[in-house]
C-alpha atoms as a PDB file:
ATOM      1  CA  UNK A   1     213.523  83.503 215.522  1.00  0.00           C
ATOM      2  CA  UNK A   2     213.948  87.335 215.253  1.00  0.00           C
ATOM      3  CA  UNK A   3     217.300  88.261 213.851  1.00  0.00           C
ATOM      4  CA  UNK A   4     219.092  91.446 214.789  1.00  0.00           C
ATOM      5  CA  UNK A   5     222.258  93.580 213.960  1.00  0.00           C
ATOM      6  CA  UNK A   6     224.399  94.201 217.058  1.00  0.00           C
ATOM      7  CA  UNK A   7     226.548  97.237 217.624  1.00  0.00           C
ATOM      8  CA  UNK A   8     229.672  96.092 219.409  1.00  0.00           C
ATOM      9  CA  UNK A   9     232.594  98.260 220.571  1.00  0.00           C
ATOM     10  CA  UNK A  10     234.528  95.633 222.439  1.00  0.00           C
ATOM     11  CA  UNK A  11     233.728  96.966 225.837  1.00  0.00           C
ATOM     12  CA  UNK A  12     232.132  94.836 228.531  1.00  0.00           C
ATOM     13  CA  UNK A  13     228.657  96.194 228.057  1.00  0.00           C
ATOM     14  CA  UNK A  14     228.570  95.314 224.208  1.00  0.00           C
ATOM     15  CA  UNK A  15     230.603  92.072 224.568  1.00  0.00           C
ATOM     16  CA  UNK A  16     228.102  90.703 227.258  1.00  0.00           C
ATOM     17  CA  UNK A  17     225.149  91.841 225.051  1.00  0.00           C
ATOM     18  CA  UNK A  18     226.828  89.929 222.196  1.00  0.00           C
ATOM     19  CA  UNK A  19     227.211  86.829 224.125  1.00  0.00           C
ATOM     20  CA  UNK A  20     223.571  86.961 225.632  1.00  0.00           C
ATOM     21  CA  UNK A  21     221.961  87.393 222.210  1.00  0.00           C
ATOM     22  CA  UNK A  22     224.439  85.644 219.917  1.00  0.00           C
ATOM     23  CA  UNK A  23     221.807  83.153 218.741  1.00  0.00           C
ATOM     24  CA  UNK A  24     219.744  85.948 217.553  1.00  0.00           C
ATOM     25  CA  UNK A  25     222.324  87.988 215.999  1.00  0.00           C
ATOM     26  CA  UNK A  26     222.667  87.859 212.078  1.00  0.00           C
ATOM     27  CA  UNK A  27     225.225  90.612 211.743  1.00  0.00           C
ATOM     28  CA  UNK A  28     227.767  92.188 214.189  1.00  0.00           C
ATOM     29  CA  UNK A  29     229.006  95.820 213.510  1.00  0.00           C
ATOM     30  CA  UNK A  30     231.975  97.406 214.962  1.00  0.00           C
ATOM     31  CA  UNK A  31     233.235 100.997 214.453  1.00  0.00           C
ATOM     32  CA  UNK A  32     236.935 101.733 214.669  1.00  0.00           C
ATOM     33  CA  UNK A  33     237.636 105.377 215.101  1.00  0.00           C
ATOM     34  CA  UNK A  34     241.328 105.056 214.930  1.00  0.00           C
ATOM     35  CA  UNK A  35     241.605 107.756 217.672  1.00  0.00           C
ATOM     36  CA  UNK A  36     243.370 105.861 220.447  1.00  0.00           C
ATOM     37  CA  UNK A  37     246.178 103.363 220.550  1.00  0.00           C
ATOM     38  CA  UNK A  38     243.891 100.573 221.991  1.00  0.00           C
ATOM     39  CA  UNK A  39     241.436 101.056 219.181  1.00  0.00           C
ATOM     40  CA  UNK A  40     243.065  98.086 217.371  1.00  0.00           C
ATOM     41  CA  UNK A  41     243.010  95.816 220.219  1.00  0.00           C
ATOM     42  CA  UNK A  42     239.218  96.191 220.532  1.00  0.00           C
ATOM     43  CA  UNK A  43     238.667  95.627 216.888  1.00  0.00           C
ATOM     44  CA  UNK A  44     240.644  92.260 217.324  1.00  0.00           C
ATOM     45  CA  UNK A  45     238.625  91.395 220.420  1.00  0.00           C
ATOM     46  CA  UNK A  46     235.376  91.677 218.483  1.00  0.00           C
ATOM     47  CA  UNK A  47     236.822  89.871 215.506  1.00  0.00           C
ATOM     48  CA  UNK A  48     238.001  86.966 217.544  1.00  0.00           C
ATOM     49  CA  UNK A  49     234.657  86.547 219.282  1.00  0.00           C
ATOM     50  CA  UNK A  50     232.728  86.599 215.911  1.00  0.00           C
ATOM     51  CA  UNK A  51     235.297  84.039 214.369  1.00  0.00           C
ATOM     52  CA  UNK A  52     234.951  81.789 217.337  1.00  0.00           C
ATOM     53  CA  UNK A  53     231.005  81.935 217.238  1.00  0.00           C
ATOM     54  CA  UNK A  54     230.690  82.051 213.421  1.00  0.00           C
ATOM     55  CA  UNK A  55     229.065  85.412 213.439  1.00  0.00           C
ATOM     56  CA  UNK A  56     229.220  87.645 210.487  1.00  0.00           C
ATOM     57  CA  UNK A  57     231.114  90.924 211.013  1.00  0.00           C
ATOM     58  CA  UNK A  58     231.187  94.300 209.328  1.00  0.00           C
ATOM     59  CA  UNK A  59     233.915  96.761 210.401  1.00  0.00           C
ATOM     60  CA  UNK A  60     234.044 100.555 209.724  1.00  0.00           C
ATOM     61  CA  UNK A  61     237.527 101.966 209.838  1.00  0.00           C
ATOM     62  CA  UNK A  62     236.959 105.704 210.108  1.00  0.00           C
ATOM     63  CA  UNK A  63     239.383 107.775 207.982  1.00  0.00           C
ATOM     64  CA  UNK A  64     240.491 111.345 208.215  1.00  0.00           C
ATOM     65  CA  UNK A  65     238.458 111.901 205.060  1.00  0.00           C
ATOM     66  CA  UNK A  66     235.366 110.743 206.887  1.00  0.00           C
ATOM     67  CA  UNK A  67     236.170 112.779 209.906  1.00  0.00           C
ATOM     68  CA  UNK A  68     236.596 115.851 207.698  1.00  0.00           C
ATOM     69  CA  UNK A  69     233.420 115.228 205.857  1.00  0.00           C
ATOM     70  CA  UNK A  70     231.275 115.080 209.107  1.00  0.00           C
ATOM     71  CA  UNK A  71     233.320 117.896 210.821  1.00  0.00           C
ATOM     72  CA  UNK A  72     232.245 120.269 208.027  1.00  0.00           C
ATOM     73  CA  UNK A  73     228.679 119.671 209.318  1.00  0.00           C
ATOM     74  CA  UNK A  74     229.258 119.489 213.026  1.00  0.00           C
ATOM     75  CA  UNK A  75     232.483 120.604 215.182  1.00  0.00           C
ATOM     76  CA  UNK A  76     231.582 118.476 218.250  1.00  0.00           C
ATOM     77  CA  UNK A  77     233.673 115.096 218.166  1.00  0.00           C
ATOM     78  CA  UNK A  78     231.249 113.079 220.249  1.00  0.00           C
ATOM     79  CA  UNK A  79     228.290 114.238 217.972  1.00  0.00           C
ATOM     80  CA  UNK A  80     230.489 113.293 214.894  1.00  0.00           C
ATOM     81  CA  UNK A  81     231.303 109.958 216.276  1.00  0.00           C
ATOM     82  CA  UNK A  82     227.601 109.359 217.074  1.00  0.00           C
ATOM     83  CA  UNK A  83     226.427 110.157 213.483  1.00  0.00           C
ATOM     84  CA  UNK A  84     229.331 108.078 211.957  1.00  0.00           C
ATOM     85  CA  UNK A  85     228.313 104.971 213.981  1.00  0.00           C
ATOM     86  CA  UNK A  86     224.582 105.317 213.666  1.00  0.00           C
ATOM     87  CA  UNK A  87     224.810 105.957 210.003  1.00  0.00           C
ATOM     88  CA  UNK A  88     226.877 102.774 209.742  1.00  0.00           C
ATOM     89  CA  UNK A  89     224.536 100.875 211.781  1.00  0.00           C
ATOM     90  CA  UNK A  90     221.598 101.952 209.576  1.00  0.00           C
ATOM     91  CA  UNK A  91     223.502 101.074 206.525  1.00  0.00           C
ATOM     92  CA  UNK A  92     224.488  97.663 207.757  1.00  0.00           C
ATOM     93  CA  UNK A  93     220.913  96.918 208.759  1.00  0.00           C
ATOM     94  CA  UNK A  94     219.418  98.051 205.330  1.00  0.00           C
ATOM     95  CA  UNK A  95     222.105  95.872 203.582  1.00  0.00           C
ATOM     96  CA  UNK A  96     221.155  92.861 205.623  1.00  0.00           C
ATOM     97  CA  UNK A  97     217.524  93.441 205.107  1.00  0.00           C
ATOM     98  CA  UNK A  98     217.102  93.638 208.993  1.00  0.00           C
ATOM     99  CA  UNK A  99     215.144  96.395 210.813  1.00  0.00           C
ATOM    100  CA  UNK A 100     216.609  96.289 214.385  1.00  0.00           C
ATOM    101  CA  UNK A 101     219.898  97.185 215.850  1.00  0.00           C
ATOM    102  CA  UNK A 102     220.865  96.091 219.326  1.00  0.00           C
ATOM    103  CA  UNK A 103     222.750  98.688 221.335  1.00  0.00           C
ATOM    104  CA  UNK A 104     224.258  97.939 224.660  1.00  0.00           C
ATOM    105  CA  UNK A 105     223.221 101.013 226.739  1.00  0.00           C
ATOM    106  CA  UNK A 106     223.105 100.259 230.485  1.00  0.00           C
ATOM    107  CA  UNK A 107     221.467 101.814 233.712  1.00  0.00           C
ATOM    108  CA  UNK A 108     224.664 103.804 234.049  1.00  0.00           C
ATOM    109  CA  UNK A 109     224.169 105.248 230.507  1.00  0.00           C
ATOM    110  CA  UNK A 110     220.624 105.971 231.406  1.00  0.00           C
ATOM    111  CA  UNK A 111     221.626 107.951 234.540  1.00  0.00           C
ATOM    112  CA  UNK A 112     224.307 109.855 232.377  1.00  0.00           C
ATOM    113  CA  UNK A 113     221.833 110.929 229.751  1.00  0.00           C
ATOM    114  CA  UNK A 114     219.144 112.039 232.246  1.00  0.00           C
ATOM    115  CA  UNK A 115     221.761 114.188 234.069  1.00  0.00           C
ATOM    116  CA  UNK A 116     222.954 115.690 230.842  1.00  0.00           C
ATOM    117  CA  UNK A 117     219.295 116.394 229.842  1.00  0.00           C
ATOM    118  CA  UNK A 118     218.667 118.142 233.173  1.00  0.00           C
ATOM    119  CA  UNK A 119     221.836 120.214 232.773  1.00  0.00           C
ATOM    120  CA  UNK A 120     220.883 121.233 229.239  1.00  0.00           C
ATOM    121  CA  UNK A 121     217.343 121.806 230.247  1.00  0.00           C
ATOM    122  CA  UNK A 122     216.219 120.022 226.908  1.00  0.00           C
ATOM    123  CA  UNK A 123     212.332 120.200 227.427  1.00  0.00           C
ATOM    124  CA  UNK A 124     212.266 116.401 227.520  1.00  0.00           C
ATOM    125  CA  UNK A 125     209.195 114.953 229.295  1.00  0.00           C
ATOM    126  CA  UNK A 126     211.240 111.740 229.433  1.00  0.00           C
ATOM    127  CA  UNK A 127     214.698 111.619 231.089  1.00  0.00           C
ATOM    128  CA  UNK A 128     217.261 109.014 230.311  1.00  0.00           C
ATOM    129  CA  UNK A 129     217.335 106.561 227.462  1.00  0.00           C
ATOM    130  CA  UNK A 130     214.251 104.990 225.849  1.00  0.00           C
ATOM    131  CA  UNK A 131     214.433 101.160 225.384  1.00  0.00           C
ATOM    132  CA  UNK A 132     213.322 101.549 221.936  1.00  0.00           C
ATOM    133  CA  UNK A 133     213.686 104.329 219.312  1.00  0.00           C
ATOM    134  CA  UNK A 134     214.092 104.804 215.671  1.00  0.00           C
ATOM    135  CA  UNK A 135     217.121 106.177 213.751  1.00  0.00           C
ATOM    136  CA  UNK A 136     216.463 107.067 210.119  1.00  0.00           C
ATOM    137  CA  UNK A 137     214.964 103.706 208.593  1.00  0.00           C
ATOM    138  CA  UNK A 138     215.809 101.232 211.561  1.00  0.00           C
ATOM    139  CA  UNK A 139     214.637 100.455 215.047  1.00  0.00           C
ATOM    140  CA  UNK A 140     217.121 100.726 217.922  1.00  0.00           C
ATOM    141  CA  UNK A 141     216.744  98.292 220.668  1.00  0.00           C
ATOM    142  CA  UNK A 142     218.516  98.610 223.973  1.00  0.00           C
ATOM    143  CA  UNK A 143     218.061  95.299 225.886  1.00  0.00           C
ATOM    144  CA  UNK A 144     220.598  96.099 228.736  1.00  0.00           C
ATOM    145  CA  UNK A 145     218.850  99.221 230.309  1.00  0.00           C
ATOM    146  CA  UNK A 146     217.862  97.001 233.245  1.00  0.00           C
ATOM    147  CA  UNK A 147     221.640  96.212 233.913  1.00  0.00           C
ATOM    148  CA  UNK A 148     224.336  98.160 235.726  1.00  0.00           C
ATOM    149  CA  UNK A 149     227.692  98.178 234.211  1.00  0.00           C
ATOM    150  CA  UNK A 150     229.290  96.307 237.166  1.00  0.00           C
ATOM    151  CA  UNK A 151     226.863  93.385 236.565  1.00  0.00           C
ATOM    152  CA  UNK A 152     228.058  93.228 232.979  1.00  0.00           C
ATOM    153  CA  UNK A 153     231.715  93.176 233.907  1.00  0.00           C
ATOM    154  CA  UNK A 154     230.942  90.354 236.460  1.00  0.00           C
ATOM    155  CA  UNK A 155     228.932  88.447 233.543  1.00  0.00           C
ATOM    156  CA  UNK A 156     232.225  88.822 231.300  1.00  0.00           C
ATOM    157  CA  UNK A 157     234.377  87.601 234.023  1.00  0.00           C
ATOM    158  CA  UNK A 158     232.219  84.572 234.919  1.00  0.00           C
ATOM    159  CA  UNK A 159     231.909  83.666 231.214  1.00  0.00           C
ATOM    160  CA  UNK A 160     235.559  84.326 230.604  1.00  0.00           C
ATOM    161  CA  UNK A 161     234.720  86.821 227.803  1.00  0.00           C
ATOM    162  CA  UNK A 162     237.564  89.021 226.981  1.00  0.00           C
ATOM    163  CA  UNK A 163     236.762  92.773 226.641  1.00  0.00           C
ATOM    164  CA  UNK A 164     238.540  96.148 226.119  1.00  0.00           C
ATOM    165  CA  UNK A 165     238.316  99.240 228.151  1.00  0.00           C
ATOM    166  CA  UNK A 166     238.204 102.671 226.647  1.00  0.00           C
ATOM    167  CA  UNK A 167     240.675 104.690 228.784  1.00  0.00           C
ATOM    168  CA  UNK A 168     239.500 108.031 227.261  1.00  0.00           C
ATOM    169  CA  UNK A 169     236.285 107.433 229.425  1.00  0.00           C
ATOM    170  CA  UNK A 170     238.328 108.322 232.470  1.00  0.00           C
ATOM    171  CA  UNK A 171     239.461 111.561 230.998  1.00  0.00           C
ATOM    172  CA  UNK A 172     237.724 115.101 231.414  1.00  0.00           C
ATOM    173  CA  UNK A 173     237.479 115.655 227.798  1.00  0.00           C
ATOM    174  CA  UNK A 174     233.724 115.681 227.253  1.00  0.00           C
ATOM    175  CA  UNK A 175     230.696 116.723 229.259  1.00  0.00           C
ATOM    176  CA  UNK A 176     229.458 113.138 229.379  1.00  0.00           C
ATOM    177  CA  UNK A 177     232.759 112.002 230.885  1.00  0.00           C
ATOM    178  CA  UNK A 178     232.595 114.438 233.685  1.00  0.00           C
ATOM    179  CA  UNK A 179     228.988 113.322 234.478  1.00  0.00           C
ATOM    180  CA  UNK A 180     230.224 109.534 234.158  1.00  0.00           C
ATOM    181  CA  UNK A 181     232.988 110.211 236.669  1.00  0.00           C
ATOM    182  CA  UNK A 182     230.477 111.898 239.042  1.00  0.00           C
ATOM    183  CA  UNK A 183     228.214 109.069 238.975  1.00  0.00           C
ATOM    184  CA  UNK A 184     231.125 106.580 239.519  1.00  0.00           C
ATOM    185  CA  UNK A 185     231.663 108.354 242.960  1.00  0.00           C
ATOM    186  CA  UNK A 186     228.133 107.405 243.987  1.00  0.00           C
ATOM    187  CA  UNK A 187     227.529 104.531 246.155  1.00  0.00           C
ATOM    188  CA  UNK A 188     225.267 101.719 244.718  1.00  0.00           C
ATOM    189  CA  UNK A 189     222.434 102.759 246.859  1.00  0.00           C
ATOM    190  CA  UNK A 190     222.628 106.473 245.920  1.00  0.00           C
ATOM    191  CA  UNK A 191     222.663 105.416 242.109  1.00  0.00           C
ATOM    192  CA  UNK A 192     219.529 103.325 242.842  1.00  0.00           C
ATOM    193  CA  UNK A 193     217.841 106.231 244.583  1.00  0.00           C
ATOM    194  CA  UNK A 194     218.686 108.558 241.697  1.00  0.00           C
ATOM    195  CA  UNK A 195     217.524 106.064 239.059  1.00  0.00           C
ATOM    196  CA  UNK A 196     214.091 105.686 240.861  1.00  0.00           C
ATOM    197  CA  UNK A 197     213.849 109.436 241.118  1.00  0.00           C
ATOM    198  CA  UNK A 198     214.211 109.653 237.434  1.00  0.00           C
ATOM    199  CA  UNK A 199     211.673 106.826 236.706  1.00  0.00           C
ATOM    200  CA  UNK A 200     209.177 108.648 238.930  1.00  0.00           C
ATOM    201  CA  UNK A 201     209.733 111.772 236.907  1.00  0.00           C
ATOM    202  CA  UNK A 202     209.099 109.757 233.650  1.00  0.00           C
ATOM    203  CA  UNK A 203     205.923 108.199 235.405  1.00  0.00           C
ATOM    204  CA  UNK A 204     204.538 111.432 236.565  1.00  0.00           C
ATOM    205  CA  UNK A 205     205.011 112.954 233.201  1.00  0.00           C
ATOM    206  CA  UNK A 206     203.363 110.123 231.183  1.00  0.00           C
ATOM    207  CA  UNK A 207     200.097 111.491 230.725  1.00  0.00           C
ATOM    208  CA  UNK A 208     201.363 114.876 229.529  1.00  0.00           C
ATOM    209  CA  UNK A 209     204.070 113.155 227.377  1.00  0.00           C
ATOM    210  CA  UNK A 210     201.145 111.148 225.595  1.00  0.00           C
ATOM    211  CA  UNK A 211     199.148 114.370 225.010  1.00  0.00           C
ATOM    212  CA  UNK A 212     202.000 116.331 223.621  1.00  0.00           C
ATOM    213  CA  UNK A 213     202.919 113.277 221.480  1.00  0.00           C
ATOM    214  CA  UNK A 214     199.411 113.306 220.076  1.00  0.00           C
ATOM    215  CA  UNK A 215     199.739 117.004 219.319  1.00  0.00           C
ATOM    216  CA  UNK A 216     202.908 116.439 217.549  1.00  0.00           C
ATOM    217  CA  UNK A 217     201.479 113.558 215.563  1.00  0.00           C
ATOM    218  CA  UNK A 218     198.537 115.892 214.377  1.00  0.00           C
ATOM    219  CA  UNK A 219     200.952 118.419 213.315  1.00  0.00           C
ATOM    220  CA  UNK A 220     203.042 116.050 211.457  1.00  0.00           C
ATOM    221  CA  UNK A 221     199.821 114.946 209.800  1.00  0.00           C
ATOM    222  CA  UNK A 222     199.047 118.545 208.812  1.00  0.00           C
ATOM    223  CA  UNK A 223     202.509 118.505 207.037  1.00  0.00           C
ATOM    224  CA  UNK A 224     203.993 120.872 209.853  1.00  0.00           C
ATOM    225  CA  UNK A 225     201.634 123.660 209.068  1.00  0.00           C
ATOM    226  CA  UNK A 226     202.939 126.925 210.468  1.00  0.00           C
ATOM    227  CA  UNK A 227     199.520 128.274 211.442  1.00  0.00           C
ATOM    228  CA  UNK A 228     198.751 125.085 213.327  1.00  0.00           C
ATOM    229  CA  UNK A 229     201.950 125.334 215.293  1.00  0.00           C
ATOM    230  CA  UNK A 230     201.162 128.962 216.258  1.00  0.00           C
ATOM    231  CA  UNK A 231     197.634 127.951 217.503  1.00  0.00           C
ATOM    232  CA  UNK A 232     199.318 125.607 220.041  1.00  0.00           C
ATOM    233  CA  UNK A 233     199.574 126.669 223.617  1.00  0.00           C
ATOM    234  CA  UNK A 234     202.832 128.527 224.185  1.00  0.00           C
ATOM    235  CA  UNK A 235     203.545 125.873 227.042  1.00  0.00           C
ATOM    236  CA  UNK A 236     203.371 123.174 224.451  1.00  0.00           C
ATOM    237  CA  UNK A 237     205.437 124.551 221.706  1.00  0.00           C
ATOM    238  CA  UNK A 238     208.798 123.770 223.243  1.00  0.00           C
ATOM    239  CA  UNK A 239     207.831 120.056 223.832  1.00  0.00           C
ATOM    240  CA  UNK A 240     206.532 119.829 220.299  1.00  0.00           C
ATOM    241  CA  UNK A 241     209.713 121.148 218.883  1.00  0.00           C
ATOM    242  CA  UNK A 242     211.823 118.764 220.974  1.00  0.00           C
ATOM    243  CA  UNK A 243     209.876 115.915 219.565  1.00  0.00           C
ATOM    244  CA  UNK A 244     210.487 117.273 216.094  1.00  0.00           C
ATOM    245  CA  UNK A 245     214.275 117.593 216.531  1.00  0.00           C
ATOM    246  CA  UNK A 246     214.276 114.090 218.127  1.00  0.00           C
ATOM    247  CA  UNK A 247     212.329 112.664 215.019  1.00  0.00           C
ATOM    248  CA  UNK A 248     215.068 114.117 212.817  1.00  0.00           C
ATOM    249  CA  UNK A 249     217.800 112.441 214.950  1.00  0.00           C
ATOM    250  CA  UNK A 250     219.425 115.837 215.815  1.00  0.00           C
ATOM    251  CA  UNK A 251     222.690 115.110 217.676  1.00  0.00           C
ATOM    252  CA  UNK A 252     222.511 117.995 220.385  1.00  0.00           C
ATOM    253  CA  UNK A 253     219.035 119.244 221.625  1.00  0.00           C
ATOM    254  CA  UNK A 254     219.075 122.016 224.178  1.00  0.00           C
ATOM    255  CA  UNK A 255     216.845 124.920 225.340  1.00  0.00           C
ATOM    256  CA  UNK A 256     218.739 127.272 223.268  1.00  0.00           C
ATOM    257  CA  UNK A 257     218.212 125.376 219.954  1.00  0.00           C
ATOM    258  CA  UNK A 258     214.435 124.828 220.790  1.00  0.00           C
ATOM    259  CA  UNK A 259     213.985 128.566 221.401  1.00  0.00           C
ATOM    260  CA  UNK A 260     215.761 129.392 218.074  1.00  0.00           C
ATOM    261  CA  UNK A 261     213.464 127.135 216.143  1.00  0.00           C
ATOM    262  CA  UNK A 262     210.408 128.458 217.727  1.00  0.00           C
ATOM    263  CA  UNK A 263     211.441 132.169 217.122  1.00  0.00           C
ATOM    264  CA  UNK A 264     212.257 131.093 213.500  1.00  0.00           C
ATOM    265  CA  UNK A 265     208.931 129.578 212.967  1.00  0.00           C
ATOM    266  CA  UNK A 266     207.052 132.600 214.486  1.00  0.00           C
ATOM    267  CA  UNK A 267     209.041 135.135 212.651  1.00  0.00           C
ATOM    268  CA  UNK A 268     207.388 136.910 209.567  1.00  0.00           C
ATOM    269  CA  UNK A 269     210.340 135.916 207.232  1.00  0.00           C
ATOM    270  CA  UNK A 270     209.130 133.629 204.453  1.00  0.00           C
ATOM    271  CA  UNK A 271     211.258 131.183 202.495  1.00  0.00           C
ATOM    272  CA  UNK A 272     214.008 131.309 204.918  1.00  0.00           C
ATOM    273  CA  UNK A 273     215.944 128.215 206.094  1.00  0.00           C
ATOM    274  CA  UNK A 274     217.465 127.452 209.454  1.00  0.00           C
ATOM    275  CA  UNK A 275     220.373 125.077 210.067  1.00  0.00           C
ATOM    276  CA  UNK A 276     219.697 122.843 213.176  1.00  0.00           C
ATOM    277  CA  UNK A 277     222.403 120.101 212.855  1.00  0.00           C
ATOM    278  CA  UNK A 278     224.937 118.831 210.653  1.00  0.00           C
ATOM    279  CA  UNK A 279     223.581 119.048 207.000  1.00  0.00           C
ATOM    280  CA  UNK A 280     219.912 119.230 208.134  1.00  0.00           C
ATOM    281  CA  UNK A 281     218.002 122.446 207.558  1.00  0.00           C
ATOM    282  CA  UNK A 282     214.299 123.557 208.201  1.00  0.00           C
ATOM    283  CA  UNK A 283     212.826 125.669 205.330  1.00  0.00           C
ATOM    284  CA  UNK A 284     209.635 127.551 205.083  1.00  0.00           C
ATOM    285  CA  UNK A 285     207.788 126.492 201.955  1.00  0.00           C
ATOM    286  CA  UNK A 286     204.419 128.342 201.547  1.00  0.00           C
ATOM    287  CA  UNK A 287     202.847 127.816 205.069  1.00  0.00           C
ATOM    288  CA  UNK A 288     204.701 124.609 205.929  1.00  0.00           C
ATOM    289  CA  UNK A 289     207.947 123.651 207.607  1.00  0.00           C
ATOM    290  CA  UNK A 290     210.091 121.187 205.412  1.00  0.00           C
ATOM    291  CA  UNK A 291     213.068 119.386 206.397  1.00  0.00           C
ATOM    292  CA  UNK A 292     215.995 119.347 203.839  1.00  0.00           C
ATOM    293  CA  UNK A 293     219.572 117.905 203.746  1.00  0.00           C
ATOM    294  CA  UNK A 294     222.321 119.466 201.973  1.00  0.00           C
END
């Protein structure tokens, strides 16, 4: 039987996922950001479930020192929080000699992400969240992308699974929260229509997505040769750079960042470096683009 690491926050999505896959879960990972009064409650919910079901649990208690370290690299709290938790999941998987982490993203999360991508004009030929992706050295698998959040809440209620509710999701603190609230105002039918519209967009762009992916793979094989990039069609360059930034697990990818990278690559300056996220830089070495971390 395949074994997984499970990322569990204590909310209805991840608690239902934990229950559904508990027989395949070798390690549960929980991040306590210590940023809200109910954070400890959620940690206890996850701990109690794991004790009851004899599941191994790893908890990361995020300290002010950790926030400071990440903040020096990125000033956006949501980007900081994402980097902290995914680095933790990656570390846990490596320690446990496992290669896949389960993350409880839902159809609602899919819609939120797609709407954010549209707003940012991120040059993605795929809107929403991929069922499978890679973060550093581990595979990320999202088995609940075919479920609405309300379905998972009903699942927890039926199974009498205790879960917590992150009240900050209801505040207009971040762009994602605002989009989440806008989606919450839609009827179930309207959400289904929007979901299908996005699916159709992804389907329509599949052929082009495959072609661009092949072009990116060739560029990667050529060690990111600058001349090879400049030989690409202008209309393809932005998509290729989007794939590059995605492959580097860059937290925020938008049109401005993609344009900046393209201009930097095409500039005559040799040996220069460009900061693209956190401690990640691109550097020109001879005729190639190299990724470095500082």
